[in-house]
Amino acid sequence: MHDTSTPTPSARPIRAVVLAGGNVGDTAARLQRAAVLLAERGGRVVQASSQLMTEPWGFEAAGRFVNQAFEIETTLAPEALLDVLQSIERDLGRDRDAEQTERNRTGQRYASRLIDLDLICYGDAVIRTERLTVPHPLMAEREFVLRPMCELVPAWRHPLTGRSVREMLETICTKNETKR
């Protein structure tokens, strides 16, 4: 485990996008607190999207999610940034063991949560380690990722597909319209 008190610097500042969300308790306030902690520990928050209310994705839940994207400038290496994100989640009350118990109980892949912080992209890097895959492997399938991300970096291009955030969002919106 990395010691997040001594950040692992990258050669130069990198722009990254972090998606925050949750559907338990006062998520809007928790997202505000996450932004403050992200600025203190992870890097400069360049901009934040508006908060977006969405239905749960991939599982049934009583509460709707509130999601928000943050573009940050960081000198942390990707896995050091992941460590920071996970420490912020813990500090804001996330209990991954309780979530696992709930997933086991319901048989669903996902569970309701107080807070979730995902590293969606880290510059144009493609990262595949045991702990981290960037760009986020499901981003192109998730409107709740693309819509707030499009507010911040609509022209950012996925390094593997070459598609912009705006193009990915248009594709998913067209698919959703077709389903109606």
Protein backbone atom coordinates (compact mmCIF):
# COMPACT_ATOMS: atom_id res chain seq x y z
CA MET A 1 0.00 0.00 0.00
CA HIS A 2 1.28 3.46 -0.87
CA ASP A 3 1.79 6.06 1.83
CA THR A 4 -0.37 8.96 0.62
CA SER A 5 1.29 11.36 3.04
CA THR A 6 4.31 11.35 0.73
CA PRO A 7 2.86 11.80 -2.77
CA THR A 8 4.53 10.11 -5.71
CA PRO A 9 5.10 12.97 -8.15
CA SER A 10 4.76 12.74 -11.90
CA ALA A 11 7.21 14.56 -14.17
CA ARG A 12 4.72 17.36 -14.86
CA PRO A 13 1.20 18.29 -13.81
CA ILE A 14 -1.44 16.12 -15.46
CA ARG A 15 -5.10 16.95 -16.01
CA ALA A 16 -7.35 14.18 -14.76
CA VAL A 17 -11.10 13.76 -14.39
CA VAL A 18 -12.61 12.29 -11.24
CA LEU A 19 -16.28 11.33 -11.08
CA ALA A 20 -17.93 11.52 -7.69
CA GLY A 21 -21.32 10.13 -6.81
CA GLY A 22 -23.51 8.55 -4.20
CA ASN A 23 -27.12 7.81 -3.35
CA VAL A 24 -27.26 7.53 0.44
CA GLY A 25 -27.75 10.46 2.80
CA ASP A 26 -26.86 14.06 1.94
CA THR A 27 -24.88 13.29 -1.20
CA ALA A 28 -24.80 16.90 -2.42
CA ALA A 29 -23.05 18.03 0.76
CA ARG A 30 -20.72 15.01 0.64
CA LEU A 31 -19.74 15.91 -2.94
CA GLN A 32 -18.89 19.43 -1.81
CA ARG A 33 -16.71 18.03 0.96
CA ALA A 34 -15.08 15.60 -1.49
CA ALA A 35 -14.10 18.57 -3.71
CA VAL A 36 -12.42 20.28 -0.76
CA LEU A 37 -10.52 17.13 0.22
CA LEU A 38 -9.58 16.47 -3.40
CA ALA A 39 -8.07 19.97 -3.61
CA GLU A 40 -6.19 19.45 -0.34
CA ARG A 41 -4.81 15.99 -1.14
CA GLY A 42 -5.00 15.31 -4.87
CA GLY A 43 -4.26 18.52 -6.70
CA ARG A 44 -5.83 21.74 -7.87
CA VAL A 45 -9.50 21.44 -8.79
CA VAL A 46 -9.59 23.25 -12.13
CA GLN A 47 -13.35 23.03 -12.59
CA ALA A 48 -16.40 21.14 -11.37
CA SER A 49 -19.50 20.14 -13.29
CA SER A 50 -22.99 20.75 -12.05
CA GLN A 51 -24.49 18.02 -9.90
CA LEU A 52 -26.60 15.55 -11.88
CA MET A 53 -29.40 13.37 -10.48
CA THR A 54 -29.53 9.94 -12.11
CA GLU A 55 -31.15 6.56 -11.72
CA PRO A 56 -28.95 3.74 -10.39
CA TRP A 57 -26.94 2.05 -13.15
CA GLY A 58 -26.62 -1.72 -13.19
CA PHE A 59 -28.68 -2.44 -10.08
CA GLU A 60 -31.94 -1.70 -8.29
CA ALA A 61 -31.86 0.88 -5.49
CA ALA A 62 -34.36 3.05 -3.68
CA GLY A 63 -32.37 6.27 -3.94
CA ARG A 64 -31.31 8.19 -7.01
CA PHE A 65 -27.65 9.09 -7.44
CA VAL A 66 -26.13 12.52 -7.43
CA ASN A 67 -23.03 12.65 -9.67
CA GLN A 68 -20.45 15.35 -10.29
CA ALA A 69 -17.21 15.46 -12.25
CA PHE A 70 -14.06 17.30 -11.25
CA GLU A 71 -11.21 18.20 -13.54
CA ILE A 72 -8.04 18.35 -11.50
CA GLU A 73 -4.43 19.18 -12.16
CA THR A 74 -2.21 16.81 -10.23
CA THR A 75 1.42 15.87 -9.86
CA LEU A 76 0.48 12.54 -8.27
CA ALA A 77 1.16 9.34 -10.17
CA PRO A 78 -2.06 7.49 -11.13
CA GLU A 79 -2.00 4.88 -8.36
CA ALA A 80 -1.03 7.51 -5.77
CA LEU A 81 -4.07 9.51 -6.91
CA LEU A 82 -6.18 6.36 -6.58
CA ASP A 83 -4.90 6.00 -3.00
CA VAL A 84 -5.97 9.59 -2.31
CA LEU A 85 -9.44 8.97 -3.78
CA GLN A 86 -9.91 5.86 -1.65
CA SER A 87 -8.73 7.68 1.49
CA ILE A 88 -11.26 10.46 0.81
CA GLU A 89 -14.00 7.85 0.37
CA ARG A 90 -13.10 6.30 3.74
CA ASP A 91 -12.98 9.70 5.44
CA LEU A 92 -16.45 10.48 4.07
CA GLY A 93 -17.85 7.22 5.46
CA ARG A 94 -17.65 4.72 2.62
CA ASP A 95 -17.65 1.16 3.93
CA ARG A 96 -16.66 -1.22 1.13
CA ASP A 97 -17.12 -4.28 3.38
CA ALA A 98 -20.76 -3.32 4.08
CA GLU A 99 -21.29 -2.76 0.33
CA GLN A 100 -19.87 -6.22 -0.39
CA THR A 101 -22.21 -7.74 2.20
CA GLU A 102 -25.14 -5.99 0.51
CA ARG A 103 -24.04 -7.20 -2.95
CA ASN A 104 -23.74 -10.74 -1.62
CA ARG A 105 -27.19 -10.48 -0.05
CA THR A 106 -28.91 -9.14 -3.18
CA GLY A 107 -26.81 -10.89 -5.82
CA GLN A 108 -26.38 -7.57 -7.62
CA ARG A 109 -23.07 -6.31 -9.03
CA TYR A 110 -23.38 -2.88 -7.37
CA ALA A 111 -24.80 -1.51 -4.12
CA SER A 112 -25.96 1.84 -2.79
CA ARG A 113 -23.17 3.94 -1.31
CA LEU A 114 -22.42 7.15 0.53
CA ILE A 115 -19.67 8.18 -1.88
CA ASP A 116 -17.78 6.80 -4.84
CA LEU A 117 -14.77 8.48 -6.44
CA ASP A 118 -13.61 7.10 -9.78
CA LEU A 119 -10.58 8.16 -11.78
CA ILE A 120 -12.08 8.42 -15.27
CA CYS A 121 -9.07 9.70 -17.20
CA TYR A 122 -5.52 10.73 -16.43
CA GLY A 123 -4.42 12.95 -19.30
CA ASP A 124 -4.14 10.76 -22.38
CA ALA A 125 -2.64 7.84 -20.46
CA VAL A 126 -3.75 4.26 -20.94
CA ILE A 127 -3.22 2.39 -17.68
CA ARG A 128 -3.93 -1.25 -16.94
CA THR A 129 -2.70 -2.50 -13.59
CA GLU A 130 -4.17 -4.89 -11.06
CA ARG A 131 -5.68 -1.92 -9.19
CA LEU A 132 -6.45 0.59 -11.90
CA THR A 133 -7.76 0.79 -15.46
CA VAL A 134 -7.76 4.21 -17.13
CA PRO A 135 -9.59 5.46 -19.06
CA HIS A 136 -12.44 3.98 -17.06
CA PRO A 137 -13.49 0.87 -19.01
CA LEU A 138 -17.24 1.58 -18.84
CA MET A 139 -17.23 5.34 -19.36
CA ALA A 140 -18.66 5.18 -22.91
CA GLU A 141 -21.67 3.20 -21.60
CA ARG A 142 -22.56 5.53 -18.76
CA GLU A 143 -24.46 8.73 -19.40
CA PHE A 144 -23.95 9.70 -15.74
CA VAL A 145 -20.20 9.82 -16.47
CA LEU A 146 -20.32 11.44 -19.89
CA ARG A 147 -22.87 14.19 -19.18
CA PRO A 148 -20.94 15.89 -16.34
CA MET A 149 -17.63 15.17 -18.08
CA CYS A 150 -18.96 16.86 -21.21
CA GLU A 151 -19.48 20.05 -19.20
CA LEU A 152 -15.77 20.08 -18.37
CA VAL A 153 -13.83 18.52 -21.24
CA PRO A 154 -16.15 17.90 -24.20
CA ALA A 155 -13.29 17.68 -26.70
CA TRP A 156 -11.14 15.24 -24.68
CA ARG A 157 -10.55 12.17 -26.84
CA HIS A 158 -10.44 8.63 -25.58
CA PRO A 159 -6.87 7.48 -26.29
CA LEU A 160 -7.97 4.03 -27.49
CA THR A 161 -11.09 4.84 -29.55
CA GLY A 162 -10.29 8.41 -30.62
CA ARG A 163 -13.85 9.46 -29.80
CA SER A 164 -14.49 12.72 -27.96
CA VAL A 165 -16.57 12.91 -24.80
CA ARG A 166 -19.20 14.82 -26.79
CA GLU A 167 -19.30 12.08 -29.46
CA MET A 168 -19.62 9.34 -26.83
CA LEU A 169 -22.44 11.26 -25.11
CA GLU A 170 -24.29 11.80 -28.41
CA THR A 171 -24.04 8.07 -29.15
CA ILE A 172 -25.45 7.04 -25.77
CA CYS A 173 -28.23 9.64 -25.95
CA THR A 174 -29.21 8.36 -29.41
CA LYS A 175 -29.30 4.78 -28.07
CA ASN A 176 -31.45 5.90 -25.13
CA GLU A 177 -33.88 7.70 -27.47
CA THR A 178 -34.16 4.58 -29.61
CA LYS A 179 -35.11 2.51 -26.53
CA ARG A 180 -38.06 4.81 -25.68
